[in-house]
Amino acid sequence: MVKYDWQNEVALITGATSGLGKALALRAAELHSTVLLIARNQERLNKVAEEIRTNGGTPYIFQFDLTKAEKIADLYKKVIEKIPNPPTILINNAGYNAAGFIQNTPIKVYEDNYKVNTLAAIAFTQSVLPDMIREKKGAIVNIMSAAMYHSFPGMSSYYSSKFALRAIHESLKAEVSGYPIKTVYVDPGGFLSNYWKNMEKGNRLKNFKYPEHKTGRDPTEIAVKICNAIEHGREDINLGGFKDRVGYHLNYWASKIVDRLIVNGSKELLANRPNA
């Protein structure tokens, strides 16, 4: 098992300006790692970087819109030119969430979901992997969600992008076998964030509003668990709640029951379908 000496690690984190991404950046900096912050909002990047510097850390910031996933290879070249050593840890955390029924969700929304949640993770992995192989050290962390277990009405673009990321992760795990590189699969479960508040819905759900979830784990707690997992060579972290775990097993053994439960629990949402 590769031993992690955090003060010699270089952690590249996407979506690093809020929620779990920010917590991961602060935790990696607290462990004395060099931290590379990737996000699209320059002002938020500056604030997180300043917080890290205030606490004695070493941040580098790179403003970038991950919907331009095809340009990530060029971004990575700029990253390598600016930092003293290549990344030893990649955390694909950034997420774009959009809601809408298949019937009325533009293809552009699907494209943006896939670019941020799936293609950006692939592009960053393709960029860092040669350096990790050459340096004989690395960890690639993909932040998943309960979306891995079953999709739901009104959420197909987001959930399908996460299903795809899981497939990519499983292939990667096999492809790096024999190298001193770990893949880390993370289901963070529910945690305090602006996920529902920031969800892009357009007017595709008519009058339906998802309830705001004001309970859940502190992202800092999850960040600590993820960093601990990296340090100890763990490859799977499942922090999902009891309902997620039951749903996972029920979906495997009794998928028709799960389908019925989802429809019955989505009556208010389904009443707002385009032709309802």
C-alpha atoms as a PDB file:
ATOM      1  CA  MET A   1       0.000   0.000   0.000  1.00  0.00           C
ATOM      2  CA  VAL A   2       1.271   3.458  -0.955  1.00  0.00           C
ATOM      3  CA  LYS A   3       1.942   5.538   2.148  1.00  0.00           C
ATOM      4  CA  TYR A   4       0.551   9.060   2.047  1.00  0.00           C
ATOM      5  CA  ASP A   5       2.749  11.785   3.435  1.00  0.00           C
ATOM      6  CA  TRP A   6       0.227  14.572   3.098  1.00  0.00           C
ATOM      7  CA  GLN A   7       2.692  17.428   3.055  1.00  0.00           C
ATOM      8  CA  ASN A   8       4.128  15.965  -0.165  1.00  0.00           C
ATOM      9  CA  GLU A   9       0.759  15.439  -1.847  1.00  0.00           C
ATOM     10  CA  VAL A  10      -0.746  17.635  -4.543  1.00  0.00           C
ATOM     11  CA  ALA A  11      -4.539  17.433  -4.570  1.00  0.00           C
ATOM     12  CA  LEU A  12      -6.544  18.610  -7.591  1.00  0.00           C
ATOM     13  CA  ILE A  13     -10.186  19.170  -6.624  1.00  0.00           C
ATOM     14  CA  THR A  14     -12.998  20.175  -8.979  1.00  0.00           C
ATOM     15  CA  GLY A  15     -16.009  22.100  -7.731  1.00  0.00           C
ATOM     16  CA  ALA A  16     -13.838  23.335  -4.882  1.00  0.00           C
ATOM     17  CA  THR A  17     -15.658  26.522  -3.888  1.00  0.00           C
ATOM     18  CA  SER A  18     -18.697  25.247  -1.978  1.00  0.00           C
ATOM     19  CA  GLY A  19     -20.196  22.274  -0.177  1.00  0.00           C
ATOM     20  CA  LEU A  20     -18.188  19.072  -0.166  1.00  0.00           C
ATOM     21  CA  GLY A  21     -15.609  20.395  -2.647  1.00  0.00           C
ATOM     22  CA  LYS A  22     -14.712  23.299  -0.396  1.00  0.00           C
ATOM     23  CA  ALA A  23     -14.596  21.015   2.656  1.00  0.00           C
ATOM     24  CA  LEU A  24     -12.231  18.664   0.816  1.00  0.00           C
ATOM     25  CA  ALA A  25      -9.984  21.554  -0.199  1.00  0.00           C
ATOM     26  CA  LEU A  26      -9.804  22.858   3.366  1.00  0.00           C
ATOM     27  CA  ARG A  27      -9.164  19.383   4.762  1.00  0.00           C
ATOM     28  CA  ALA A  28      -6.375  18.618   2.288  1.00  0.00           C
ATOM     29  CA  ALA A  29      -4.806  21.988   3.093  1.00  0.00           C
ATOM     30  CA  GLU A  30      -5.144  21.307   6.810  1.00  0.00           C
ATOM     31  CA  LEU A  31      -3.128  18.127   6.210  1.00  0.00           C
ATOM     32  CA  HIS A  32      -0.447  20.357   4.619  1.00  0.00           C
ATOM     33  CA  SER A  33      -1.041  19.264   1.028  1.00  0.00           C
ATOM     34  CA  THR A  34      -0.679  21.571  -1.941  1.00  0.00           C
ATOM     35  CA  VAL A  35      -4.210  22.181  -3.171  1.00  0.00           C
ATOM     36  CA  LEU A  36      -5.312  22.925  -6.746  1.00  0.00           C
ATOM     37  CA  LEU A  37      -8.781  24.470  -6.809  1.00  0.00           C
ATOM     38  CA  ILE A  38     -10.860  24.183  -9.988  1.00  0.00           C
ATOM     39  CA  ALA A  39     -14.192  26.027 -10.280  1.00  0.00           C
ATOM     40  CA  ARG A  40     -15.963  28.484 -12.560  1.00  0.00           C
ATOM     41  CA  ASN A  41     -16.605  31.310 -10.068  1.00  0.00           C
ATOM     42  CA  GLN A  42     -13.469  33.435  -9.676  1.00  0.00           C
ATOM     43  CA  GLU A  43     -14.719  35.333  -6.618  1.00  0.00           C
ATOM     44  CA  ARG A  44     -15.452  32.131  -4.707  1.00  0.00           C
ATOM     45  CA  LEU A  45     -12.110  30.675  -5.745  1.00  0.00           C
ATOM     46  CA  ASN A  46     -10.362  33.712  -4.316  1.00  0.00           C
ATOM     47  CA  LYS A  47     -12.240  33.416  -1.016  1.00  0.00           C
ATOM     48  CA  VAL A  48     -11.430  29.728  -0.534  1.00  0.00           C
ATOM     49  CA  ALA A  49      -7.796  30.312  -1.494  1.00  0.00           C
ATOM     50  CA  GLU A  50      -7.529  33.176   0.984  1.00  0.00           C
ATOM     51  CA  GLU A  51      -8.995  30.997   3.750  1.00  0.00           C
ATOM     52  CA  ILE A  52      -6.397  28.335   2.976  1.00  0.00           C
ATOM     53  CA  ARG A  53      -3.553  30.863   2.960  1.00  0.00           C
ATOM     54  CA  THR A  54      -4.743  32.343   6.253  1.00  0.00           C
ATOM     55  CA  ASN A  55      -4.363  28.893   7.787  1.00  0.00           C
ATOM     56  CA  GLY A  56      -0.877  28.449   6.359  1.00  0.00           C
ATOM     57  CA  GLY A  57      -1.797  26.369   3.314  1.00  0.00           C
ATOM     58  CA  THR A  58      -0.613  26.514  -0.298  1.00  0.00           C
ATOM     59  CA  PRO A  59      -3.456  26.884  -2.825  1.00  0.00           C
ATOM     60  CA  TYR A  60      -3.410  27.364  -6.583  1.00  0.00           C
ATOM     61  CA  ILE A  61      -6.611  28.494  -8.267  1.00  0.00           C
ATOM     62  CA  PHE A  62      -7.810  27.851 -11.812  1.00  0.00           C
ATOM     63  CA  GLN A  63     -11.043  29.394 -13.027  1.00  0.00           C
ATOM     64  CA  PHE A  64     -12.688  27.056 -15.529  1.00  0.00           C
ATOM     65  CA  ASP A  65     -16.168  26.127 -16.763  1.00  0.00           C
ATOM     66  CA  LEU A  66     -16.389  22.327 -16.846  1.00  0.00           C
ATOM     67  CA  THR A  67     -19.069  22.388 -19.537  1.00  0.00           C
ATOM     68  CA  LYS A  68     -16.040  22.988 -21.793  1.00  0.00           C
ATOM     69  CA  ALA A  69     -14.787  19.486 -21.013  1.00  0.00           C
ATOM     70  CA  GLU A  70     -13.059  19.204 -24.390  1.00  0.00           C
ATOM     71  CA  LYS A  71     -10.610  21.933 -23.287  1.00  0.00           C
ATOM     72  CA  ILE A  72      -9.559  20.284 -20.026  1.00  0.00           C
ATOM     73  CA  ALA A  73      -6.403  18.827 -21.572  1.00  0.00           C
ATOM     74  CA  ASP A  74      -5.309  22.375 -22.428  1.00  0.00           C
ATOM     75  CA  LEU A  75      -6.188  23.530 -18.909  1.00  0.00           C
ATOM     76  CA  TYR A  76      -4.083  20.744 -17.443  1.00  0.00           C
ATOM     77  CA  LYS A  77      -1.045  21.888 -19.430  1.00  0.00           C
ATOM     78  CA  LYS A  78      -1.423  25.317 -17.802  1.00  0.00           C
ATOM     79  CA  VAL A  79      -1.790  23.679 -14.379  1.00  0.00           C
ATOM     80  CA  ILE A  80       1.428  21.697 -14.812  1.00  0.00           C
ATOM     81  CA  GLU A  81       3.314  24.824 -15.885  1.00  0.00           C
ATOM     82  CA  LYS A  82       2.251  26.648 -12.723  1.00  0.00           C
ATOM     83  CA  ILE A  83       2.759  24.031 -10.004  1.00  0.00           C
ATOM     84  CA  PRO A  84       6.055  22.512  -8.762  1.00  0.00           C
ATOM     85  CA  ASN A  85       4.899  18.872  -8.889  1.00  0.00           C
ATOM     86  CA  PRO A  86       2.095  17.033 -10.727  1.00  0.00           C
ATOM     87  CA  PRO A  87      -1.082  16.014  -8.874  1.00  0.00           C
ATOM     88  CA  THR A  88      -0.925  12.853  -6.787  1.00  0.00           C
ATOM     89  CA  ILE A  89      -4.613  13.038  -5.842  1.00  0.00           C
ATOM     90  CA  LEU A  90      -7.507  13.816  -8.180  1.00  0.00           C
ATOM     91  CA  ILE A  91     -10.950  14.372  -6.680  1.00  0.00           C
ATOM     92  CA  ASN A  92     -13.703  14.607  -9.298  1.00  0.00           C
ATOM     93  CA  ASN A  93     -16.235  16.376  -7.121  1.00  0.00           C
ATOM     94  CA  ALA A  94     -17.879  18.992  -9.362  1.00  0.00           C
ATOM     95  CA  GLY A  95     -21.521  18.355 -10.150  1.00  0.00           C
ATOM     96  CA  TYR A  96     -24.181  19.978 -12.280  1.00  0.00           C
ATOM     97  CA  ASN A  97     -27.767  19.163 -11.398  1.00  0.00           C
ATOM     98  CA  ALA A  98     -30.765  19.807 -13.577  1.00  0.00           C
ATOM     99  CA  ALA A  99     -34.330  18.603 -13.371  1.00  0.00           C
ATOM    100  CA  GLY A 100     -36.976  18.069 -16.007  1.00  0.00           C
ATOM    101  CA  PHE A 101     -39.013  15.373 -17.683  1.00  0.00           C
ATOM    102  CA  ILE A 102     -37.488  13.549 -20.623  1.00  0.00           C
ATOM    103  CA  GLN A 103     -40.236  14.991 -22.800  1.00  0.00           C
ATOM    104  CA  ASN A 104     -39.360  18.627 -22.107  1.00  0.00           C
ATOM    105  CA  THR A 105     -35.674  18.648 -21.144  1.00  0.00           C
ATOM    106  CA  PRO A 106     -33.502  20.101 -23.934  1.00  0.00           C
ATOM    107  CA  ILE A 107     -30.618  18.041 -25.231  1.00  0.00           C
ATOM    108  CA  LYS A 108     -28.342  20.920 -24.155  1.00  0.00           C
ATOM    109  CA  VAL A 109     -29.243  20.217 -20.516  1.00  0.00           C
ATOM    110  CA  TYR A 110     -28.287  16.555 -20.936  1.00  0.00           C
ATOM    111  CA  GLU A 111     -25.058  17.626 -22.632  1.00  0.00           C
ATOM    112  CA  ASP A 112     -24.140  19.971 -19.774  1.00  0.00           C
ATOM    113  CA  ASN A 113     -24.915  17.318 -17.179  1.00  0.00           C
ATOM    114  CA  TYR A 114     -22.745  14.759 -18.952  1.00  0.00           C
ATOM    115  CA  LYS A 115     -19.927  17.248 -19.596  1.00  0.00           C
ATOM    116  CA  VAL A 116     -19.641  18.350 -15.965  1.00  0.00           C
ATOM    117  CA  ASN A 117     -20.489  15.102 -14.180  1.00  0.00           C
ATOM    118  CA  THR A 118     -18.980  12.535 -16.548  1.00  0.00           C
ATOM    119  CA  LEU A 119     -16.812  13.895 -19.369  1.00  0.00           C
ATOM    120  CA  ALA A 120     -14.901  16.319 -17.140  1.00  0.00           C
ATOM    121  CA  ALA A 121     -14.048  13.441 -14.796  1.00  0.00           C
ATOM    122  CA  ILE A 122     -12.823  11.405 -17.770  1.00  0.00           C
ATOM    123  CA  ALA A 123     -10.772  14.306 -19.127  1.00  0.00           C
ATOM    124  CA  PHE A 124      -9.081  15.038 -15.796  1.00  0.00           C
ATOM    125  CA  THR A 125      -8.378  11.331 -15.308  1.00  0.00           C
ATOM    126  CA  GLN A 126      -6.813  11.113 -18.772  1.00  0.00           C
ATOM    127  CA  SER A 127      -4.679  14.142 -17.933  1.00  0.00           C
ATOM    128  CA  VAL A 128      -3.351  13.053 -14.524  1.00  0.00           C
ATOM    129  CA  LEU A 129      -2.999   9.329 -15.119  1.00  0.00           C
ATOM    130  CA  PRO A 130       0.241   9.403 -17.165  1.00  0.00           C
ATOM    131  CA  ASP A 131       1.893  11.559 -14.485  1.00  0.00           C
ATOM    132  CA  MET A 132       0.669   9.258 -11.715  1.00  0.00           C
ATOM    133  CA  ILE A 133       1.974   6.188 -13.540  1.00  0.00           C
ATOM    134  CA  ARG A 134       5.332   7.868 -14.109  1.00  0.00           C
ATOM    135  CA  GLU A 135       5.565   9.015 -10.476  1.00  0.00           C
ATOM    136  CA  LYS A 136       4.352   5.576  -9.299  1.00  0.00           C
ATOM    137  CA  LYS A 137       1.788   7.119  -7.011  1.00  0.00           C
ATOM    138  CA  GLY A 138      -1.769   8.358  -7.199  1.00  0.00           C
ATOM    139  CA  ALA A 139      -5.374   8.286  -6.042  1.00  0.00           C
ATOM    140  CA  ILE A 140      -8.377   9.074  -8.231  1.00  0.00           C
ATOM    141  CA  VAL A 141     -11.544   9.823  -6.276  1.00  0.00           C
ATOM    142  CA  ASN A 142     -14.962   9.975  -7.917  1.00  0.00           C
ATOM    143  CA  ILE A 143     -17.821  11.467  -5.909  1.00  0.00           C
ATOM    144  CA  MET A 144     -20.990   9.556  -6.752  1.00  0.00           C
ATOM    145  CA  SER A 145     -24.454   9.785  -5.178  1.00  0.00           C
ATOM    146  CA  ALA A 146     -27.503   7.740  -4.242  1.00  0.00           C
ATOM    147  CA  ALA A 147     -28.303   8.147  -7.946  1.00  0.00           C
ATOM    148  CA  MET A 148     -26.269   4.979  -8.432  1.00  0.00           C
ATOM    149  CA  TYR A 149     -29.102   2.828  -7.139  1.00  0.00           C
ATOM    150  CA  HIS A 150     -32.135   3.872  -9.161  1.00  0.00           C
ATOM    151  CA  SER A 151     -33.272   6.737 -11.334  1.00  0.00           C
ATOM    152  CA  PHE A 152     -36.327   8.860 -10.593  1.00  0.00           C
ATOM    153  CA  PRO A 153     -38.855  10.806 -12.671  1.00  0.00           C
ATOM    154  CA  GLY A 154     -37.791  14.342 -13.445  1.00  0.00           C
ATOM    155  CA  MET A 155     -34.107  13.585 -12.786  1.00  0.00           C
ATOM    156  CA  SER A 156     -32.986  11.553 -15.800  1.00  0.00           C
ATOM    157  CA  SER A 157     -30.268  13.927 -17.028  1.00  0.00           C
ATOM    158  CA  TYR A 158     -28.477  14.110 -13.678  1.00  0.00           C
ATOM    159  CA  TYR A 159     -28.941  10.490 -12.679  1.00  0.00           C
ATOM    160  CA  SER A 160     -27.910   9.097 -16.067  1.00  0.00           C
ATOM    161  CA  SER A 161     -24.677  11.114 -15.899  1.00  0.00           C
ATOM    162  CA  LYS A 162     -23.909   9.514 -12.537  1.00  0.00           C
ATOM    163  CA  PHE A 163     -24.753   6.023 -13.830  1.00  0.00           C
ATOM    164  CA  ALA A 164     -22.233   6.683 -16.615  1.00  0.00           C
ATOM    165  CA  LEU A 165     -19.594   7.858 -14.134  1.00  0.00           C
ATOM    166  CA  ARG A 166     -20.004   4.645 -12.200  1.00  0.00           C
ATOM    167  CA  ALA A 167     -19.322   2.620 -15.360  1.00  0.00           C
ATOM    168  CA  ILE A 168     -16.237   4.730 -16.069  1.00  0.00           C
ATOM    169  CA  HIS A 169     -15.030   4.242 -12.497  1.00  0.00           C
ATOM    170  CA  GLU A 170     -15.457   0.452 -12.648  1.00  0.00           C
ATOM    171  CA  SER A 171     -13.463   0.272 -15.885  1.00  0.00           C
ATOM    172  CA  LEU A 172     -10.751   2.525 -14.467  1.00  0.00           C
ATOM    173  CA  LYS A 173     -10.443   0.409 -11.338  1.00  0.00           C
ATOM    174  CA  ALA A 174      -9.598  -2.635 -13.454  1.00  0.00           C
ATOM    175  CA  GLU A 175      -7.387  -0.724 -15.871  1.00  0.00           C
ATOM    176  CA  VAL A 176      -5.047   0.611 -13.148  1.00  0.00           C
ATOM    177  CA  SER A 177      -4.665  -2.755 -11.439  1.00  0.00           C
ATOM    178  CA  GLY A 178      -0.968  -3.499 -11.032  1.00  0.00           C
ATOM    179  CA  TYR A 179      -0.103   0.188 -10.801  1.00  0.00           C
ATOM    180  CA  PRO A 180       0.471   1.914  -7.425  1.00  0.00           C
ATOM    181  CA  ILE A 181      -2.685   3.931  -8.063  1.00  0.00           C
ATOM    182  CA  LYS A 182      -5.931   3.690  -6.114  1.00  0.00           C
ATOM    183  CA  THR A 183      -9.425   4.468  -7.309  1.00  0.00           C
ATOM    184  CA  VAL A 184     -11.819   5.623  -4.604  1.00  0.00           C
ATOM    185  CA  TYR A 185     -15.573   5.327  -5.098  1.00  0.00           C
ATOM    186  CA  VAL A 186     -17.539   7.624  -2.781  1.00  0.00           C
ATOM    187  CA  ASP A 187     -21.261   7.648  -2.099  1.00  0.00           C
ATOM    188  CA  PRO A 188     -21.380  10.617   0.292  1.00  0.00           C
ATOM    189  CA  GLY A 189     -25.021  10.101   1.269  1.00  0.00           C
ATOM    190  CA  GLY A 190     -27.046  13.099   2.343  1.00  0.00           C
ATOM    191  CA  PHE A 191     -25.166  16.148   3.568  1.00  0.00           C
ATOM    192  CA  LEU A 192     -25.809  19.843   4.063  1.00  0.00           C
ATOM    193  CA  SER A 193     -25.514  21.633   0.734  1.00  0.00           C
ATOM    194  CA  ASN A 194     -27.302  23.888  -1.739  1.00  0.00           C
ATOM    195  CA  TYR A 195     -28.013  20.938  -4.046  1.00  0.00           C
ATOM    196  CA  TRP A 196     -31.767  21.459  -4.266  1.00  0.00           C
ATOM    197  CA  LYS A 197     -31.564  25.226  -4.080  1.00  0.00           C
ATOM    198  CA  ASN A 198     -29.100  25.439  -6.987  1.00  0.00           C
ATOM    199  CA  MET A 199     -30.799  22.859  -9.174  1.00  0.00           C
ATOM    200  CA  GLU A 200     -31.495  24.183 -12.671  1.00  0.00           C
ATOM    201  CA  LYS A 201     -35.156  23.530 -13.518  1.00  0.00           C
ATOM    202  CA  GLY A 202     -36.147  26.168 -16.056  1.00  0.00           C
ATOM    203  CA  ASN A 203     -39.932  25.916 -16.111  1.00  0.00           C
ATOM    204  CA  ARG A 204     -39.893  22.214 -16.893  1.00  0.00           C
ATOM    205  CA  LEU A 205     -41.583  21.081 -13.656  1.00  0.00           C
ATOM    206  CA  LYS A 206     -44.395  23.665 -13.770  1.00  0.00           C
ATOM    207  CA  ASN A 207     -45.483  24.311 -10.174  1.00  0.00           C
ATOM    208  CA  PHE A 208     -43.646  21.430  -8.533  1.00  0.00           C
ATOM    209  CA  LYS A 209     -40.952  22.311  -6.010  1.00  0.00           C
ATOM    210  CA  TYR A 210     -38.560  19.843  -4.447  1.00  0.00           C
ATOM    211  CA  PRO A 211     -38.544  20.205  -0.661  1.00  0.00           C
ATOM    212  CA  GLU A 212     -35.393  21.743   0.766  1.00  0.00           C
ATOM    213  CA  HIS A 213     -33.436  19.285   2.877  1.00  0.00           C
ATOM    214  CA  LYS A 214     -32.031  21.109   5.880  1.00  0.00           C
ATOM    215  CA  THR A 215     -30.631  18.069   7.639  1.00  0.00           C
ATOM    216  CA  GLY A 216     -27.691  15.822   6.926  1.00  0.00           C
ATOM    217  CA  ARG A 217     -24.021  15.413   7.686  1.00  0.00           C
ATOM    218  CA  ASP A 218     -21.649  18.335   7.823  1.00  0.00           C
ATOM    219  CA  PRO A 219     -19.515  18.251   4.618  1.00  0.00           C
ATOM    220  CA  THR A 220     -16.431  18.638   6.814  1.00  0.00           C
ATOM    221  CA  GLU A 221     -17.161  15.267   8.413  1.00  0.00           C
ATOM    222  CA  ILE A 222     -17.428  13.620   5.000  1.00  0.00           C
ATOM    223  CA  ALA A 223     -14.225  15.296   3.806  1.00  0.00           C
ATOM    224  CA  VAL A 224     -12.362  13.838   6.785  1.00  0.00           C
ATOM    225  CA  LYS A 225     -13.682  10.352   5.980  1.00  0.00           C
ATOM    226  CA  ILE A 226     -12.648  10.664   2.329  1.00  0.00           C
ATOM    227  CA  CYS A 227      -9.133  11.797   3.210  1.00  0.00           C
ATOM    228  CA  ASN A 228      -8.842   8.974   5.731  1.00  0.00           C
ATOM    229  CA  ALA A 229      -9.917   6.509   3.040  1.00  0.00           C
ATOM    230  CA  ILE A 230      -7.274   7.830   0.640  1.00  0.00           C
ATOM    231  CA  GLU A 231      -4.602   7.547   3.325  1.00  0.00           C
ATOM    232  CA  HIS A 232      -5.517   3.974   4.231  1.00  0.00           C
ATOM    233  CA  GLY A 233      -5.972   2.672   0.696  1.00  0.00           C
ATOM    234  CA  ARG A 234      -9.734   2.115   0.841  1.00  0.00           C
ATOM    235  CA  GLU A 235     -11.478   1.905  -2.525  1.00  0.00           C
ATOM    236  CA  ASP A 236     -15.144   2.204  -1.559  1.00  0.00           C
ATOM    237  CA  ILE A 237     -16.844   4.590   0.846  1.00  0.00           C
ATOM    238  CA  ASN A 238     -20.594   4.257   1.286  1.00  0.00           C
ATOM    239  CA  LEU A 239     -22.021   6.916   3.583  1.00  0.00           C
ATOM    240  CA  GLY A 240     -25.601   6.522   2.377  1.00  0.00           C
ATOM    241  CA  GLY A 241     -28.365   6.354   4.950  1.00  0.00           C
ATOM    242  CA  PHE A 242     -30.576   3.440   5.917  1.00  0.00           C
ATOM    243  CA  LYS A 243     -33.159   4.200   3.206  1.00  0.00           C
ATOM    244  CA  ASP A 244     -30.478   4.267   0.524  1.00  0.00           C
ATOM    245  CA  ARG A 245     -29.131   0.904   1.609  1.00  0.00           C
ATOM    246  CA  VAL A 246     -32.570  -0.705   1.814  1.00  0.00           C
ATOM    247  CA  GLY A 247     -33.464   0.795  -1.560  1.00  0.00           C
ATOM    248  CA  TYR A 248     -30.315  -0.620  -3.123  1.00  0.00           C
ATOM    249  CA  HIS A 249     -31.076  -4.200  -2.009  1.00  0.00           C
ATOM    250  CA  LEU A 250     -34.789  -3.887  -2.719  1.00  0.00           C
ATOM    251  CA  ASN A 251     -34.057  -2.656  -6.239  1.00  0.00           C
ATOM    252  CA  TYR A 252     -31.934  -5.744  -6.849  1.00  0.00           C
ATOM    253  CA  TRP A 253     -34.370  -8.304  -5.456  1.00  0.00           C
ATOM    254  CA  ALA A 254     -37.744  -6.682  -6.093  1.00  0.00           C
ATOM    255  CA  SER A 255     -37.383  -4.022  -8.782  1.00  0.00           C
ATOM    256  CA  LYS A 256     -41.105  -3.966  -9.605  1.00  0.00           C
ATOM    257  CA  ILE A 257     -41.919  -3.045  -6.027  1.00  0.00           C
ATOM    258  CA  VAL A 258     -39.397  -0.208  -6.195  1.00  0.00           C
ATOM    259  CA  ASP A 259     -40.934   1.021  -9.459  1.00  0.00           C
ATOM    260  CA  ARG A 260     -44.369   1.079  -7.834  1.00  0.00           C
ATOM    261  CA  LEU A 261     -43.097   2.876  -4.737  1.00  0.00           C
ATOM    262  CA  ILE A 262     -41.399   5.526  -6.863  1.00  0.00           C
ATOM    263  CA  VAL A 263     -44.534   6.196  -8.916  1.00  0.00           C
ATOM    264  CA  ASN A 264     -46.731   6.325  -5.804  1.00  0.00           C
ATOM    265  CA  GLY A 265     -44.293   8.664  -4.090  1.00  0.00           C
ATOM    266  CA  SER A 266     -44.073  10.975  -7.118  1.00  0.00           C
ATOM    267  CA  LYS A 267     -47.746  11.722  -7.709  1.00  0.00           C
ATOM    268  CA  GLU A 268     -47.375  15.458  -7.088  1.00  0.00           C
ATOM    269  CA  LEU A 269     -44.395  15.649  -9.428  1.00  0.00           C
ATOM    270  CA  LEU A 270     -46.096  13.577 -12.132  1.00  0.00           C
ATOM    271  CA  ALA A 271     -49.156  15.837 -11.955  1.00  0.00           C
ATOM    272  CA  ASN A 272     -46.890  18.532 -13.411  1.00  0.00           C
ATOM    273  CA  ARG A 273     -45.874  16.608 -16.542  1.00  0.00           C
ATOM    274  CA  PRO A 274     -46.068  18.645 -19.770  1.00  0.00           C
ATOM    275  CA  ASN A 275     -49.400  17.188 -20.892  1.00  0.00           C
ATOM    276  CA  ALA A 276     -50.936  16.632 -17.463  1.00  0.00           C
END
